Amino acid sequence: MTAIHAPQVLADFIRAHTAIGAPTLVPEIRLQLAGEATVLWEATEASLHESGLPPPYWAFAWPGGQALARHVLDHPEIVRGRRVLDFAAGGGLIAIAAAEAGAARITAADIDPFAAAAIGLNAALNEVTVAVTSADLLSDAATAWDVILAGDVCYERPMAERVIAWLRAAAAGGTLVLIGEPGRAYAPRDGIEELARYSVPTVLALEDREIRETRVLRML
């Protein structure tokens, strides 16, 4: 790990460029959130002396994550006493919700080192314990968890196709798989069951509308 990717350096960067806030649909959870995407994106590239980096997904509470976190908090029996994975966790909103709902063990997975640092900060803010991994889990069978929660993972075709295939395999193996899906183009059309629907306020700088109707889907 280079010095610029050291956990403390990343944590200091996140604190300097975000503020503590709460997602609209999940006000009981506090997160380090960014106010403006472009400014943070540019600051990230300047800090790392790199261009073409992925957007700072970890700094925003996306509608799929908010809906799934709300559903878990309102239905804690989904995760209580179980091993839970928050896949493509971003800032860890869903993982924190699972911890607060009584999950026995929570892992938040995101390949972005900034996300990993943000998850640690956000878990500490909410006084919960969340394990963090930056490994690419899609190369392995999803056998280590009883429940997989994935919020807003269907926005790009290559990723969506790979992720959905992995999640389907996990569901076929007996894992409970839930997806927070706010109407992305590459969301699964079949082999799913809608469990709930939420109207999630959004930011026009990030989305094309002020409200996203977001479904919680179970993978069959």
C-alpha atoms as a PDB file:
ATOM      1  CA  MET A   1       0.000   0.000   0.000  1.00  0.00           C
ATOM      2  CA  THR A   2       1.415   3.379  -0.996  1.00  0.00           C
ATOM      3  CA  ALA A   3       1.485   6.205   1.522  1.00  0.00           C
ATOM      4  CA  ILE A   4      -1.238   8.047  -0.365  1.00  0.00           C
ATOM      5  CA  HIS A   5      -3.529   5.034   0.038  1.00  0.00           C
ATOM      6  CA  ALA A   6      -2.714   4.544   3.724  1.00  0.00           C
ATOM      7  CA  PRO A   7      -5.901   4.264   5.800  1.00  0.00           C
ATOM      8  CA  GLN A   8      -5.158   7.345   7.886  1.00  0.00           C
ATOM      9  CA  VAL A   9      -4.448   9.467   4.799  1.00  0.00           C
ATOM     10  CA  LEU A  10      -7.713   8.359   3.208  1.00  0.00           C
ATOM     11  CA  ALA A  11      -9.640   8.937   6.435  1.00  0.00           C
ATOM     12  CA  ASP A  12      -8.210  12.452   6.774  1.00  0.00           C
ATOM     13  CA  PHE A  13      -9.159  13.207   3.153  1.00  0.00           C
ATOM     14  CA  ILE A  14     -12.713  12.006   3.705  1.00  0.00           C
ATOM     15  CA  ARG A  15     -13.157  14.085   6.858  1.00  0.00           C
ATOM     16  CA  ALA A  16     -11.806  17.155   5.055  1.00  0.00           C
ATOM     17  CA  HIS A  17     -14.121  16.846   2.051  1.00  0.00           C
ATOM     18  CA  THR A  18     -17.369  15.620   3.589  1.00  0.00           C
ATOM     19  CA  ALA A  19     -19.658  16.501   6.469  1.00  0.00           C
ATOM     20  CA  ILE A  20     -21.600  14.315   8.857  1.00  0.00           C
ATOM     21  CA  GLY A  21     -25.221  14.008   7.779  1.00  0.00           C
ATOM     22  CA  ALA A  22     -28.090  11.559   7.578  1.00  0.00           C
ATOM     23  CA  PRO A  23     -29.803  10.052   4.528  1.00  0.00           C
ATOM     24  CA  THR A  24     -33.371  11.294   4.096  1.00  0.00           C
ATOM     25  CA  LEU A  25     -34.957   7.850   4.223  1.00  0.00           C
ATOM     26  CA  VAL A  26     -32.692   6.568   7.015  1.00  0.00           C
ATOM     27  CA  PRO A  27     -32.321   9.510   9.419  1.00  0.00           C
ATOM     28  CA  GLU A  28     -31.204   7.313  12.314  1.00  0.00           C
ATOM     29  CA  ILE A  29     -27.881   6.547  10.600  1.00  0.00           C
ATOM     30  CA  ARG A  30     -25.104   9.137  10.294  1.00  0.00           C
ATOM     31  CA  LEU A  31     -22.617   9.155   7.430  1.00  0.00           C
ATOM     32  CA  GLN A  32     -19.742  11.211   6.066  1.00  0.00           C
ATOM     33  CA  LEU A  33     -21.525  12.703   3.045  1.00  0.00           C
ATOM     34  CA  ALA A  34     -20.379  14.997   0.256  1.00  0.00           C
ATOM     35  CA  GLY A  35     -22.370  18.029  -0.764  1.00  0.00           C
ATOM     36  CA  GLU A  36     -21.311  18.221  -4.403  1.00  0.00           C
ATOM     37  CA  ALA A  37     -20.082  15.354  -6.572  1.00  0.00           C
ATOM     38  CA  THR A  38     -17.895  17.212  -9.069  1.00  0.00           C
ATOM     39  CA  VAL A  39     -15.918  19.084  -6.422  1.00  0.00           C
ATOM     40  CA  LEU A  40     -15.155  15.883  -4.517  1.00  0.00           C
ATOM     41  CA  TRP A  41     -14.290  14.002  -7.706  1.00  0.00           C
ATOM     42  CA  GLU A  42     -11.810  16.694  -8.725  1.00  0.00           C
ATOM     43  CA  ALA A  43     -10.317  16.805  -5.221  1.00  0.00           C
ATOM     44  CA  THR A  44      -9.860  13.023  -5.265  1.00  0.00           C
ATOM     45  CA  GLU A  45      -8.026  13.089  -8.587  1.00  0.00           C
ATOM     46  CA  ALA A  46      -5.847  16.010  -7.474  1.00  0.00           C
ATOM     47  CA  SER A  47      -5.005  14.288  -4.199  1.00  0.00           C
ATOM     48  CA  LEU A  48      -3.936  11.060  -5.910  1.00  0.00           C
ATOM     49  CA  HIS A  49      -2.348  12.788  -8.931  1.00  0.00           C
ATOM     50  CA  GLU A  50      -4.477  10.580 -11.171  1.00  0.00           C
ATOM     51  CA  SER A  51      -7.223  11.221 -13.680  1.00  0.00           C
ATOM     52  CA  GLY A  52     -10.084   9.063 -14.876  1.00  0.00           C
ATOM     53  CA  LEU A  53     -10.817   7.709 -11.419  1.00  0.00           C
ATOM     54  CA  PRO A  54     -14.238   6.225 -10.692  1.00  0.00           C
ATOM     55  CA  PRO A  55     -16.819   8.617  -9.220  1.00  0.00           C
ATOM     56  CA  PRO A  56     -16.849   8.906  -5.415  1.00  0.00           C
ATOM     57  CA  TYR A  57     -19.856   6.615  -4.996  1.00  0.00           C
ATOM     58  CA  TRP A  58     -18.935   6.133  -1.334  1.00  0.00           C
ATOM     59  CA  ALA A  59     -19.736   9.763  -0.488  1.00  0.00           C
ATOM     60  CA  PHE A  60     -23.452   9.661  -1.323  1.00  0.00           C
ATOM     61  CA  ALA A  61     -26.454   7.743  -0.017  1.00  0.00           C
ATOM     62  CA  TRP A  62     -27.816   6.351  -3.287  1.00  0.00           C
ATOM     63  CA  PRO A  63     -31.526   5.502  -3.511  1.00  0.00           C
ATOM     64  CA  GLY A  64     -31.005   1.743  -3.791  1.00  0.00           C
ATOM     65  CA  GLY A  65     -28.929   1.746  -0.636  1.00  0.00           C
ATOM     66  CA  GLN A  66     -31.369   3.942   1.251  1.00  0.00           C
ATOM     67  CA  ALA A  67     -34.352   1.761   0.360  1.00  0.00           C
ATOM     68  CA  LEU A  68     -32.576  -1.460   1.292  1.00  0.00           C
ATOM     69  CA  ALA A  69     -31.249  -0.005   4.559  1.00  0.00           C
ATOM     70  CA  ARG A  70     -34.754   1.216   5.448  1.00  0.00           C
ATOM     71  CA  HIS A  71     -36.197  -2.205   4.697  1.00  0.00           C
ATOM     72  CA  VAL A  72     -33.630  -3.978   6.869  1.00  0.00           C
ATOM     73  CA  LEU A  73     -34.220  -1.619   9.792  1.00  0.00           C
ATOM     74  CA  ASP A  74     -37.991  -2.041   9.489  1.00  0.00           C
ATOM     75  CA  HIS A  75     -37.695  -5.837   9.146  1.00  0.00           C
ATOM     76  CA  PRO A  76     -34.754  -6.804  11.374  1.00  0.00           C
ATOM     77  CA  GLU A  77     -35.682 -10.486  11.206  1.00  0.00           C
ATOM     78  CA  ILE A  78     -34.090 -10.507   7.740  1.00  0.00           C
ATOM     79  CA  VAL A  79     -30.596 -10.237   9.220  1.00  0.00           C
ATOM     80  CA  ARG A  80     -30.896 -10.865  12.949  1.00  0.00           C
ATOM     81  CA  GLY A  81     -28.314 -13.402  14.105  1.00  0.00           C
ATOM     82  CA  ARG A  82     -27.091 -14.031  10.556  1.00  0.00           C
ATOM     83  CA  ARG A  83     -23.870 -13.537   8.577  1.00  0.00           C
ATOM     84  CA  VAL A  84     -24.454 -10.600   6.239  1.00  0.00           C
ATOM     85  CA  LEU A  85     -22.570  -9.165   3.267  1.00  0.00           C
ATOM     86  CA  ASP A  86     -23.126  -5.598   2.066  1.00  0.00           C
ATOM     87  CA  PHE A  87     -21.908  -5.934  -1.528  1.00  0.00           C
ATOM     88  CA  ALA A  88     -20.529  -2.856  -3.368  1.00  0.00           C
ATOM     89  CA  ALA A  89     -21.044  -1.132  -0.046  1.00  0.00           C
ATOM     90  CA  GLY A  90     -19.981   2.424  -0.863  1.00  0.00           C
ATOM     91  CA  GLY A  91     -20.025   4.232   2.464  1.00  0.00           C
ATOM     92  CA  GLY A  92     -21.482   1.221   4.270  1.00  0.00           C
ATOM     93  CA  LEU A  93     -25.041   2.442   4.854  1.00  0.00           C
ATOM     94  CA  ILE A  94     -26.596  -1.001   4.398  1.00  0.00           C
ATOM     95  CA  ALA A  95     -23.937  -2.712   6.514  1.00  0.00           C
ATOM     96  CA  ILE A  96     -24.584  -0.266   9.350  1.00  0.00           C
ATOM     97  CA  ALA A  97     -28.327  -0.871   9.082  1.00  0.00           C
ATOM     98  CA  ALA A  98     -27.702  -4.628   9.272  1.00  0.00           C
ATOM     99  CA  ALA A  99     -25.556  -4.165  12.364  1.00  0.00           C
ATOM    100  CA  GLU A 100     -28.217  -2.061  14.035  1.00  0.00           C
ATOM    101  CA  ALA A 101     -30.817  -4.687  13.120  1.00  0.00           C
ATOM    102  CA  GLY A 102     -28.876  -7.372  14.971  1.00  0.00           C
ATOM    103  CA  ALA A 103     -26.820  -9.219  12.354  1.00  0.00           C
ATOM    104  CA  ALA A 104     -24.300 -11.589  13.936  1.00  0.00           C
ATOM    105  CA  ARG A 105     -21.460 -10.693  11.592  1.00  0.00           C
ATOM    106  CA  ILE A 106     -21.340  -8.008   8.911  1.00  0.00           C
ATOM    107  CA  THR A 107     -18.871  -7.653   6.054  1.00  0.00           C
ATOM    108  CA  ALA A 108     -18.906  -4.599   3.791  1.00  0.00           C
ATOM    109  CA  ALA A 109     -17.210  -5.168   0.434  1.00  0.00           C
ATOM    110  CA  ASP A 110     -16.037  -2.451  -1.942  1.00  0.00           C
ATOM    111  CA  ILE A 111     -12.970  -2.447  -4.185  1.00  0.00           C
ATOM    112  CA  ASP A 112     -12.473   1.343  -3.841  1.00  0.00           C
ATOM    113  CA  PRO A 113      -9.952   2.100  -1.044  1.00  0.00           C
ATOM    114  CA  PHE A 114     -11.757   5.370  -0.323  1.00  0.00           C
ATOM    115  CA  ALA A 115     -14.953   3.395   0.255  1.00  0.00           C
ATOM    116  CA  ALA A 116     -13.148   1.057   2.641  1.00  0.00           C
ATOM    117  CA  ALA A 117     -11.928   4.044   4.648  1.00  0.00           C
ATOM    118  CA  ALA A 118     -15.373   5.663   4.590  1.00  0.00           C
ATOM    119  CA  ILE A 119     -16.994   2.470   5.856  1.00  0.00           C
ATOM    120  CA  GLY A 120     -14.651   2.453   8.835  1.00  0.00           C
ATOM    121  CA  LEU A 121     -15.433   6.076   9.654  1.00  0.00           C
ATOM    122  CA  ASN A 122     -19.160   5.600   9.237  1.00  0.00           C
ATOM    123  CA  ALA A 123     -19.256   2.439  11.339  1.00  0.00           C
ATOM    124  CA  ALA A 124     -17.450   4.293  14.122  1.00  0.00           C
ATOM    125  CA  LEU A 125     -19.893   7.199  13.860  1.00  0.00           C
ATOM    126  CA  ASN A 126     -22.750   4.786  14.492  1.00  0.00           C
ATOM    127  CA  GLU A 127     -20.888   2.724  17.093  1.00  0.00           C
ATOM    128  CA  VAL A 128     -21.196  -0.573  15.250  1.00  0.00           C
ATOM    129  CA  THR A 129     -18.675  -3.178  14.149  1.00  0.00           C
ATOM    130  CA  VAL A 130     -18.327  -3.888  10.434  1.00  0.00           C
ATOM    131  CA  ALA A 131     -15.581  -5.930   8.783  1.00  0.00           C
ATOM    132  CA  VAL A 132     -14.322  -4.405   5.530  1.00  0.00           C
ATOM    133  CA  THR A 133     -12.876  -6.107   2.473  1.00  0.00           C
ATOM    134  CA  SER A 134     -11.594  -4.648  -0.799  1.00  0.00           C
ATOM    135  CA  ALA A 135     -11.342  -8.048  -2.490  1.00  0.00           C
ATOM    136  CA  ASP A 136     -13.132  -8.755  -5.764  1.00  0.00           C
ATOM    137  CA  LEU A 137     -15.617 -11.291  -4.457  1.00  0.00           C
ATOM    138  CA  LEU A 138     -17.135 -12.052  -7.840  1.00  0.00           C
ATOM    139  CA  SER A 139     -14.411 -14.583  -8.601  1.00  0.00           C
ATOM    140  CA  ASP A 140     -15.473 -16.838  -5.731  1.00  0.00           C
ATOM    141  CA  ALA A 141     -18.611 -18.673  -4.681  1.00  0.00           C
ATOM    142  CA  ALA A 142     -20.696 -16.692  -2.196  1.00  0.00           C
ATOM    143  CA  THR A 143     -20.755 -19.316   0.542  1.00  0.00           C
ATOM    144  CA  ALA A 144     -19.558 -17.307   3.550  1.00  0.00           C
ATOM    145  CA  TRP A 145     -22.815 -15.402   4.131  1.00  0.00           C
ATOM    146  CA  ASP A 146     -26.408 -16.166   4.974  1.00  0.00           C
ATOM    147  CA  VAL A 147     -27.655 -12.879   3.511  1.00  0.00           C
ATOM    148  CA  ILE A 148     -26.270 -10.701   0.708  1.00  0.00           C
ATOM    149  CA  LEU A 149     -27.553  -7.134   0.424  1.00  0.00           C
ATOM    150  CA  ALA A 150     -26.750  -5.136  -2.713  1.00  0.00           C
ATOM    151  CA  GLY A 151     -27.913  -1.573  -3.211  1.00  0.00           C
ATOM    152  CA  ASP A 152     -27.893   0.070  -6.637  1.00  0.00           C
ATOM    153  CA  VAL A 153     -25.517  -2.228  -8.546  1.00  0.00           C
ATOM    154  CA  CYS A 154     -27.210  -2.282 -11.971  1.00  0.00           C
ATOM    155  CA  TYR A 155     -26.227   1.072 -13.465  1.00  0.00           C
ATOM    156  CA  GLU A 156     -23.566  -0.202 -15.926  1.00  0.00           C
ATOM    157  CA  ARG A 157     -24.084  -3.222 -18.197  1.00  0.00           C
ATOM    158  CA  PRO A 158     -20.737  -5.062 -17.734  1.00  0.00           C
ATOM    159  CA  MET A 159     -20.881  -4.795 -13.957  1.00  0.00           C
ATOM    160  CA  ALA A 160     -24.597  -5.543 -13.766  1.00  0.00           C
ATOM    161  CA  GLU A 161     -24.314  -8.705 -15.863  1.00  0.00           C
ATOM    162  CA  ARG A 162     -21.428 -10.028 -13.800  1.00  0.00           C
ATOM    163  CA  VAL A 163     -22.974  -9.112 -10.457  1.00  0.00           C
ATOM    164  CA  ILE A 164     -26.438 -10.479 -11.266  1.00  0.00           C
ATOM    165  CA  ALA A 165     -24.973 -13.808 -12.381  1.00  0.00           C
ATOM    166  CA  TRP A 166     -23.016 -14.026  -9.104  1.00  0.00           C
ATOM    167  CA  LEU A 167     -26.050 -13.098  -7.031  1.00  0.00           C
ATOM    168  CA  ARG A 168     -28.230 -15.637  -8.845  1.00  0.00           C
ATOM    169  CA  ALA A 169     -25.685 -18.342  -8.085  1.00  0.00           C
ATOM    170  CA  ALA A 170     -25.661 -17.304  -4.431  1.00  0.00           C
ATOM    171  CA  ALA A 171     -29.460 -17.410  -4.254  1.00  0.00           C
ATOM    172  CA  ALA A 172     -29.499 -20.838  -5.927  1.00  0.00           C
ATOM    173  CA  GLY A 173     -27.124 -22.017  -3.206  1.00  0.00           C
ATOM    174  CA  GLY A 174     -29.505 -20.984  -0.446  1.00  0.00           C
ATOM    175  CA  THR A 175     -28.289 -17.477   0.371  1.00  0.00           C
ATOM    176  CA  LEU A 176     -30.962 -14.819   0.826  1.00  0.00           C
ATOM    177  CA  VAL A 177     -30.164 -12.114  -1.749  1.00  0.00           C
ATOM    178  CA  LEU A 178     -31.871  -8.711  -1.646  1.00  0.00           C
ATOM    179  CA  ILE A 179     -31.288  -5.854  -4.096  1.00  0.00           C
ATOM    180  CA  GLY A 180     -32.175  -2.174  -3.777  1.00  0.00           C
ATOM    181  CA  GLU A 181     -33.221  -1.244  -7.323  1.00  0.00           C
ATOM    182  CA  PRO A 182     -34.180   2.359  -8.270  1.00  0.00           C
ATOM    183  CA  GLY A 183     -35.050   1.733 -11.906  1.00  0.00           C
ATOM    184  CA  ARG A 184     -31.605   1.309 -13.424  1.00  0.00           C
ATOM    185  CA  ALA A 185     -31.408   0.202 -17.051  1.00  0.00           C
ATOM    186  CA  TYR A 186     -29.681  -3.120 -16.425  1.00  0.00           C
ATOM    187  CA  ALA A 187     -31.705  -4.385 -13.467  1.00  0.00           C
ATOM    188  CA  PRO A 188     -32.932  -7.982 -13.643  1.00  0.00           C
ATOM    189  CA  ARG A 189     -36.345  -8.407 -15.247  1.00  0.00           C
ATOM    190  CA  ASP A 190     -37.095 -11.982 -14.181  1.00  0.00           C
ATOM    191  CA  GLY A 191     -36.206 -14.382 -11.415  1.00  0.00           C
ATOM    192  CA  ILE A 192     -37.060 -11.750  -8.798  1.00  0.00           C
ATOM    193  CA  GLU A 193     -39.746 -11.029  -6.224  1.00  0.00           C
ATOM    194  CA  GLU A 194     -40.642  -7.479  -5.188  1.00  0.00           C
ATOM    195  CA  LEU A 195     -40.770  -7.217  -1.399  1.00  0.00           C
ATOM    196  CA  ALA A 196     -41.276  -3.482  -0.947  1.00  0.00           C
ATOM    197  CA  ARG A 197     -41.225  -0.126  -2.710  1.00  0.00           C
ATOM    198  CA  TYR A 198     -40.006   3.231  -1.390  1.00  0.00           C
ATOM    199  CA  SER A 199     -40.083   6.794  -2.713  1.00  0.00           C
ATOM    200  CA  VAL A 200     -36.542   8.036  -2.147  1.00  0.00           C
ATOM    201  CA  PRO A 201     -35.710  11.763  -2.398  1.00  0.00           C
ATOM    202  CA  THR A 202     -32.676  12.325  -4.612  1.00  0.00           C
ATOM    203  CA  VAL A 203     -30.314  15.117  -5.646  1.00  0.00           C
ATOM    204  CA  LEU A 204     -30.706  16.408  -9.204  1.00  0.00           C
ATOM    205  CA  ALA A 205     -26.944  16.739  -9.535  1.00  0.00           C
ATOM    206  CA  LEU A 206     -26.731  12.949  -9.223  1.00  0.00           C
ATOM    207  CA  GLU A 207     -30.051  11.738 -10.602  1.00  0.00           C
ATOM    208  CA  ASP A 208     -32.439  12.863 -13.348  1.00  0.00           C
ATOM    209  CA  ARG A 209     -35.390  13.351 -10.988  1.00  0.00           C
ATOM    210  CA  GLU A 210     -36.148  14.470  -7.461  1.00  0.00           C
ATOM    211  CA  ILE A 211     -37.772  11.203  -6.376  1.00  0.00           C
ATOM    212  CA  ARG A 212     -36.729   7.675  -7.322  1.00  0.00           C
ATOM    213  CA  GLU A 213     -39.272   4.913  -6.880  1.00  0.00           C
ATOM    214  CA  THR A 214     -37.047   2.180  -5.544  1.00  0.00           C
ATOM    215  CA  ARG A 215     -37.897  -1.487  -5.157  1.00  0.00           C
ATOM    216  CA  VAL A 216     -36.454  -4.011  -2.753  1.00  0.00           C
ATOM    217  CA  LEU A 217     -36.121  -7.218  -4.739  1.00  0.00           C
ATOM    218  CA  ARG A 218     -35.432 -10.761  -3.628  1.00  0.00           C
ATOM    219  CA  MET A 219     -33.396 -12.854  -6.017  1.00  0.00           C
ATOM    220  CA  LEU A 220     -35.110 -16.198  -6.633  1.00  0.00           C
END
